[in-house]
N, C-alpha and C. Protein backbone atom coordinates (compact mmCIF):
# COMPACT_ATOMS: atom_id res chain seq x y z
N SER A 1 40.92 90.33 146.95
CA SER A 1 42.30 91.54 147.30
C SER A 1 41.51 92.48 148.21
N ALA A 2 41.33 93.02 148.57
CA ALA A 2 41.52 94.04 149.68
C ALA A 2 40.70 95.31 149.10
N GLU A 3 39.47 95.75 149.44
CA GLU A 3 39.09 96.80 149.13
C GLU A 3 39.83 97.95 149.34
N ARG A 4 40.39 98.94 148.45
CA ARG A 4 41.16 100.14 149.52
C ARG A 4 39.35 101.44 149.76
N PRO A 5 40.15 101.92 150.22
CA PRO A 5 39.89 102.61 151.70
C PRO A 5 38.38 103.85 150.57
N ARG A 6 37.59 104.64 150.27
CA ARG A 6 37.17 104.96 150.79
C ARG A 6 36.79 106.95 150.53
N THR A 7 37.32 107.82 149.09
CA THR A 7 36.46 108.71 150.45
C THR A 7 35.09 110.04 150.16
N ALA A 8 35.75 110.42 150.32
CA ALA A 8 34.17 111.31 149.97
C ALA A 8 34.36 111.92 148.86
N LYS A 9 34.80 112.28 147.76
CA LYS A 9 34.91 112.64 146.62
C LYS A 9 35.60 111.47 146.35
N ASP A 10 36.30 110.33 146.61
CA ASP A 10 35.70 108.58 145.32
C ASP A 10 34.25 108.56 144.53
N SER A 11 34.19 108.28 143.74
CA SER A 11 33.35 107.80 142.54
C SER A 11 32.98 106.20 142.49
N GLY A 12 34.00 105.28 143.62
CA GLY A 12 34.26 104.07 143.21
C GLY A 12 34.12 103.38 141.71
N ILE A 13 34.24 104.43 140.43
CA ILE A 13 35.28 104.59 139.44
C ILE A 13 36.16 104.21 139.22
N ASP A 14 37.52 102.95 137.97
CA ASP A 14 38.43 103.71 138.44
C ASP A 14 38.92 103.96 136.54
N ILE A 15 39.87 104.93 136.39
CA ILE A 15 40.74 105.07 136.03
C ILE A 15 41.97 103.82 135.03
N ALA A 16 41.99 104.06 134.20
CA ALA A 16 42.73 102.85 133.36
C ALA A 16 43.93 103.51 132.77
N GLY A 17 43.70 104.67 131.60
CA GLY A 17 44.80 105.03 130.89
C GLY A 17 44.58 105.97 130.13
N ILE A 18 44.72 106.75 129.44
CA ILE A 18 43.73 107.79 128.72
C ILE A 18 44.31 107.55 126.93
N ILE A 19 42.90 107.53 126.45
CA ILE A 19 43.12 107.47 124.08
C ILE A 19 43.14 109.29 124.59
N ASN A 20 44.59 109.48 123.41
CA ASN A 20 44.97 110.76 122.56
C ASN A 20 44.51 110.12 121.23
N GLN A 21 42.76 110.54 120.57
CA GLN A 21 42.56 110.56 119.51
C GLN A 21 43.54 112.68 118.74
N ASN A 22 43.42 112.14 117.41
CA ASN A 22 43.99 113.20 116.29
C ASN A 22 42.52 113.19 115.10
N ASP A 23 41.65 113.77 114.99
CA ASP A 23 40.91 113.49 114.51
C ASP A 23 41.50 114.65 113.56
N LEU A 24 42.02 115.29 113.47
CA LEU A 24 42.18 115.80 112.11
C LEU A 24 42.97 115.83 111.15
N ALA A 25 42.74 115.96 110.47
CA ALA A 25 43.63 115.49 109.03
C ALA A 25 45.72 115.79 108.83
N TYR A 26 46.09 116.20 109.88
CA TYR A 26 46.83 117.32 110.04
C TYR A 26 47.90 116.38 111.51
N VAL A 27 48.99 116.47 111.83
CA VAL A 27 50.15 116.00 112.68
C VAL A 27 49.27 117.22 113.84
N VAL A 28 49.30 116.50 115.24
CA VAL A 28 49.53 116.82 116.20
C VAL A 28 50.38 117.45 117.59
N ARG A 29 51.15 117.17 118.18
CA ARG A 29 52.23 117.51 118.72
C ARG A 29 51.70 118.19 119.92
N ASP A 30 52.77 117.33 121.35
CA ASP A 30 52.87 117.51 122.57
C ASP A 30 51.89 117.42 122.95
N VAL A 31 50.60 116.89 123.34
CA VAL A 31 49.20 116.55 123.56
C VAL A 31 49.19 116.45 125.28
N MET A 32 49.02 117.00 125.94
CA MET A 32 49.17 117.01 127.37
C MET A 32 48.03 116.01 127.96
N VAL A 33 46.94 115.79 128.63
CA VAL A 33 46.03 115.62 128.85
C VAL A 33 46.61 115.96 131.12
N THR A 34 45.73 117.44 131.74
CA THR A 34 46.39 116.86 133.14
C THR A 34 45.15 117.27 134.12
N ASP A 35 45.96 117.07 135.08
CA ASP A 35 43.81 117.37 136.34
C ASP A 35 44.95 117.93 137.28
N PRO A 36 44.78 120.18 136.67
CA PRO A 36 45.28 120.81 137.99
C PRO A 36 45.44 120.37 139.17
N ALA A 37 44.19 119.89 139.34
CA ALA A 37 44.46 119.52 141.05
C ALA A 37 45.06 119.03 142.25
N THR A 38 45.82 118.18 140.94
CA THR A 38 46.40 117.04 141.42
C THR A 38 47.72 116.46 140.75
N GLY A 39 48.14 117.79 139.90
CA GLY A 39 49.60 117.99 139.40
C GLY A 39 49.17 116.33 138.63
N ALA A 40 48.56 115.28 138.42
CA ALA A 40 48.61 113.90 137.95
C ALA A 40 48.65 114.58 136.00
N TYR A 41 49.35 113.69 135.04
CA TYR A 41 49.00 113.98 133.90
C TYR A 41 49.60 112.95 133.08
N ALA A 42 48.93 113.38 131.89
CA ALA A 42 50.00 111.97 130.89
C ALA A 42 49.42 112.63 129.19
N GLY A 43 50.51 111.82 128.45
CA GLY A 43 50.08 112.66 127.23
C GLY A 43 50.82 111.87 126.14
N CYS A 44 51.06 112.53 124.72
CA CYS A 44 52.12 111.47 123.21
C CYS A 44 52.58 113.04 122.96
N GLY A 45 53.84 112.71 122.52
CA GLY A 45 54.04 113.02 121.14
C GLY A 45 53.31 113.79 120.68
N ASN A 46 53.84 113.66 118.55
CA ASN A 46 53.18 113.40 117.96
C ASN A 46 51.92 112.50 117.74
N LEU A 47 51.06 112.78 117.23
CA LEU A 47 49.65 112.75 116.53
C LEU A 47 49.14 112.25 115.31
N LEU A 48 49.97 111.35 114.85
CA LEU A 48 50.14 111.50 112.76
C LEU A 48 48.51 111.93 112.78
N GLN A 49 48.12 112.53 111.70
CA GLN A 49 46.54 112.54 111.91
C GLN A 49 45.69 111.47 111.76
N ARG A 50 44.45 111.24 111.76
CA ARG A 50 43.26 110.63 111.64
C ARG A 50 43.92 109.85 112.93
N SER A 51 44.90 109.82 114.06
CA SER A 51 45.65 108.10 114.18
C SER A 51 45.50 108.89 115.91
N SER A 52 45.80 107.37 116.77
CA SER A 52 46.07 107.48 117.78
C SER A 52 46.89 107.12 119.05
N CYS A 53 46.89 107.63 120.68
CA CYS A 53 47.96 106.78 121.55
C CYS A 53 46.91 106.77 122.31
N ARG A 54 47.79 105.55 123.45
CA ARG A 54 46.87 105.61 124.22
C ARG A 54 48.23 105.10 125.20
N THR A 55 48.03 105.55 126.37
CA THR A 55 48.45 105.44 127.44
C THR A 55 47.45 104.70 128.79
N SER A 56 47.72 103.78 129.15
CA SER A 56 47.85 102.17 130.77
C SER A 56 48.71 102.70 131.67
N PHE A 57 48.38 102.88 132.31
CA PHE A 57 48.60 103.06 133.94
C PHE A 57 47.92 102.43 134.97
N PRO A 58 48.43 101.77 136.56
CA PRO A 58 47.46 100.92 137.71
C PRO A 58 45.75 101.79 137.69
N ALA A 59 45.11 101.67 137.86
CA ALA A 59 44.00 101.71 137.75
C ALA A 59 44.18 102.91 139.20
N ARG A 60 43.32 103.54 139.61
CA ARG A 60 42.93 105.22 140.08
C ARG A 60 42.27 105.56 139.98
N ASP A 61 41.20 106.08 141.66
CA ASP A 61 40.08 106.50 141.48
C ASP A 61 40.01 108.39 140.79
N TYR A 62 38.41 107.54 140.41
CA TYR A 62 38.24 109.01 139.67
C TYR A 62 36.95 110.17 141.00
N ARG A 63 38.45 110.93 140.81
CA ARG A 63 37.46 111.96 141.38
C ARG A 63 37.42 113.11 140.54
N LYS A 64 36.71 113.43 139.66
CA LYS A 64 35.67 113.84 139.13
C LYS A 64 35.92 115.70 139.38
N ASN A 65 37.43 115.55 138.91
CA ASN A 65 38.75 116.75 139.43
C ASN A 65 38.53 116.82 137.78
N ALA A 66 38.29 118.11 137.79
CA ALA A 66 38.35 119.65 136.33
C ALA A 66 40.26 118.92 135.70
N VAL A 67 39.68 118.04 134.06
CA VAL A 67 40.86 118.30 133.29
C VAL A 67 41.32 119.21 132.55
N LYS A 68 42.55 119.59 131.62
CA LYS A 68 42.80 120.21 131.41
C LYS A 68 43.73 120.38 129.44
N VAL A 69 43.74 119.91 128.09
CA VAL A 69 44.30 119.54 127.93
C VAL A 69 44.57 120.54 126.93
N THR A 70 46.87 120.26 126.44
CA THR A 70 46.96 121.67 125.02
C THR A 70 47.77 120.13 124.55
N TRP A 71 48.12 121.24 123.48
CA TRP A 71 48.58 120.38 122.59
C TRP A 71 49.64 121.57 120.92
N SER A 72 49.64 121.45 120.63
CA SER A 72 50.59 121.82 119.69
C SER A 72 49.93 121.88 118.06
N GLU A 73 49.33 122.99 117.69
CA GLU A 73 48.59 122.30 115.39
C GLU A 73 49.70 123.14 115.22
N GLY A 74 50.30 123.07 114.48
CA GLY A 74 50.98 123.55 112.72
C GLY A 74 51.84 124.69 114.60
N GLY A 75 52.32 123.96 114.84
CA GLY A 75 53.33 125.23 115.38
C GLY A 75 53.10 126.24 116.44
N GLU A 76 51.33 126.11 116.96
CA GLU A 76 50.59 126.70 117.78
C GLU A 76 50.42 126.68 119.24
N TYR A 77 50.23 126.89 120.02
CA TYR A 77 49.77 125.92 121.54
C TYR A 77 48.95 126.71 121.55
N GLN A 78 48.18 125.11 122.06
CA GLN A 78 46.74 125.54 121.96
C GLN A 78 46.52 124.24 123.18
N ASP A 79 44.81 125.11 124.18
CA ASP A 79 44.61 124.27 124.93
C ASP A 79 43.46 124.99 124.64
N THR A 80 42.47 123.87 126.17
CA THR A 80 41.31 124.03 127.16
C THR A 80 40.80 124.89 127.99
N ASP A 81 40.09 125.13 128.52
CA ASP A 81 39.77 125.29 129.64
C ASP A 81 39.94 124.14 130.44
N GLU A 82 39.73 124.99 131.96
CA GLU A 82 39.51 123.64 132.63
C GLU A 82 38.16 122.75 132.51
N PHE A 83 37.72 121.44 132.32
CA PHE A 83 36.16 121.37 131.88
C PHE A 83 36.35 119.55 132.66
N PHE A 84 35.18 119.57 133.41
CA PHE A 84 34.18 118.22 134.00
C PHE A 84 33.88 116.98 132.83
N VAL A 85 34.12 115.56 133.24
CA VAL A 85 33.65 115.27 131.49
C VAL A 85 33.27 113.95 132.89
N ASP A 86 31.70 113.85 132.27
CA ASP A 86 30.64 113.21 132.82
C ASP A 86 31.01 112.19 133.43
N LEU A 87 30.27 111.28 134.04
CA LEU A 87 30.32 109.66 133.76
C LEU A 87 29.41 109.61 133.17
N PRO A 88 29.19 108.12 132.58
CA PRO A 88 28.47 107.81 131.33
C PRO A 88 27.72 107.71 132.68
N SER A 89 26.21 107.27 131.96
CA SER A 89 24.66 106.87 132.58
C SER A 89 24.78 106.05 133.85
N ASP A 90 25.04 104.46 132.99
CA ASP A 90 24.92 103.02 133.35
C ASP A 90 27.01 102.90 133.76
N ALA A 91 27.70 103.48 134.68
CA ALA A 91 28.35 103.28 135.35
C ALA A 91 27.77 102.64 136.73
N VAL A 92 28.84 101.91 137.45
CA VAL A 92 28.24 101.60 138.69
C VAL A 92 29.89 102.02 138.91
N ILE A 93 29.66 100.94 140.45
CA ILE A 93 30.34 100.78 141.27
C ILE A 93 31.72 99.87 140.88
N GLY A 94 33.02 100.04 140.56
CA GLY A 94 33.80 99.41 140.47
C GLY A 94 33.73 99.22 138.64
N ASP A 95 33.81 100.34 138.08
CA ASP A 95 33.65 100.05 136.86
C ASP A 95 34.61 100.37 136.02
N VAL A 96 36.15 100.47 135.55
CA VAL A 96 36.67 100.52 134.97
C VAL A 96 36.62 101.54 133.29
N PHE A 97 37.00 102.99 132.84
CA PHE A 97 37.05 103.35 132.05
C PHE A 97 38.20 104.31 131.35
N TRP A 98 38.53 104.80 131.18
CA TRP A 98 39.96 105.26 129.72
C TRP A 98 39.20 105.93 129.95
N LEU A 99 39.91 106.84 129.99
CA LEU A 99 39.27 108.55 129.72
C LEU A 99 40.16 108.94 127.90
N GLU A 100 38.98 108.75 127.20
CA GLU A 100 39.33 109.39 125.62
C GLU A 100 39.12 111.23 125.32
N VAL A 101 40.37 111.91 124.76
CA VAL A 101 40.59 113.01 124.86
C VAL A 101 40.58 113.02 123.12
N VAL A 102 39.82 114.02 122.24
CA VAL A 102 39.77 114.12 121.14
C VAL A 102 39.95 115.59 120.30
N MET A 103 40.84 115.38 119.81
CA MET A 103 41.68 117.14 119.18
C MET A 103 40.58 116.77 118.19
N HIS A 104 39.71 117.86 118.12
CA HIS A 104 38.12 117.43 116.72
C HIS A 104 38.03 118.48 115.90
N ALA A 105 38.56 119.02 115.84
CA ALA A 105 38.34 120.58 115.37
C ALA A 105 39.66 121.47 115.19
N PRO A 106 40.32 122.27 114.10
CA PRO A 106 41.14 123.23 114.62
C PRO A 106 40.99 124.06 115.94
N GLY A 107 42.05 124.16 116.65
CA GLY A 107 41.75 124.65 118.51
C GLY A 107 40.81 124.21 119.29
N LEU A 108 40.35 122.75 118.66
CA LEU A 108 39.46 121.75 119.67
C LEU A 108 38.94 120.97 120.46
N ALA A 109 39.12 120.45 121.28
CA ALA A 109 39.81 118.93 121.83
C ALA A 109 38.39 119.18 123.16
N GLY A 110 38.22 117.22 123.49
CA GLY A 110 36.73 117.02 124.26
C GLY A 110 37.36 116.21 124.32
N ALA A 111 36.25 115.64 125.80
CA ALA A 111 36.64 113.94 126.51
C ALA A 111 35.35 113.29 126.79
N ARG A 112 36.08 111.88 127.29
CA ARG A 112 34.91 111.48 127.75
C ARG A 112 34.76 110.07 128.52
N LEU A 113 34.44 109.00 129.39
CA LEU A 113 35.20 107.90 129.87
C LEU A 113 34.47 106.83 128.53
N VAL A 114 35.27 105.77 128.71
CA VAL A 114 35.01 104.99 127.89
C VAL A 114 35.33 103.52 128.16
N ARG A 115 34.90 102.82 128.07
CA ARG A 115 35.45 101.45 128.17
C ARG A 115 36.36 100.95 126.96
N PRO A 116 37.17 100.06 128.56
CA PRO A 116 38.57 99.92 127.91
C PRO A 116 38.29 99.11 126.92
């Protein structure tokens, strides 16, 4: 297959899905991960306690944009500030990762890139 053209922000790393993980002891709802720079988003409606949901999509270039996570806990809206997700130190051009977002404490979430 032909290699697609690269841009200045192009990392050479692709993202092919998102994992939303609820490590809490209760249900979280309306989990949404957004890329404010592009408007791209993915999410899950309901995540039971200590469960996850996965959403795959055609691989796209990881542009190192900030992400924002929003969700609801006990009917209360929660969100993160925009933050950046670092590339794993062993990532090389051509690697494919998924973005794993974890609600790990009341009102707190974080993210990292993981191999599928």
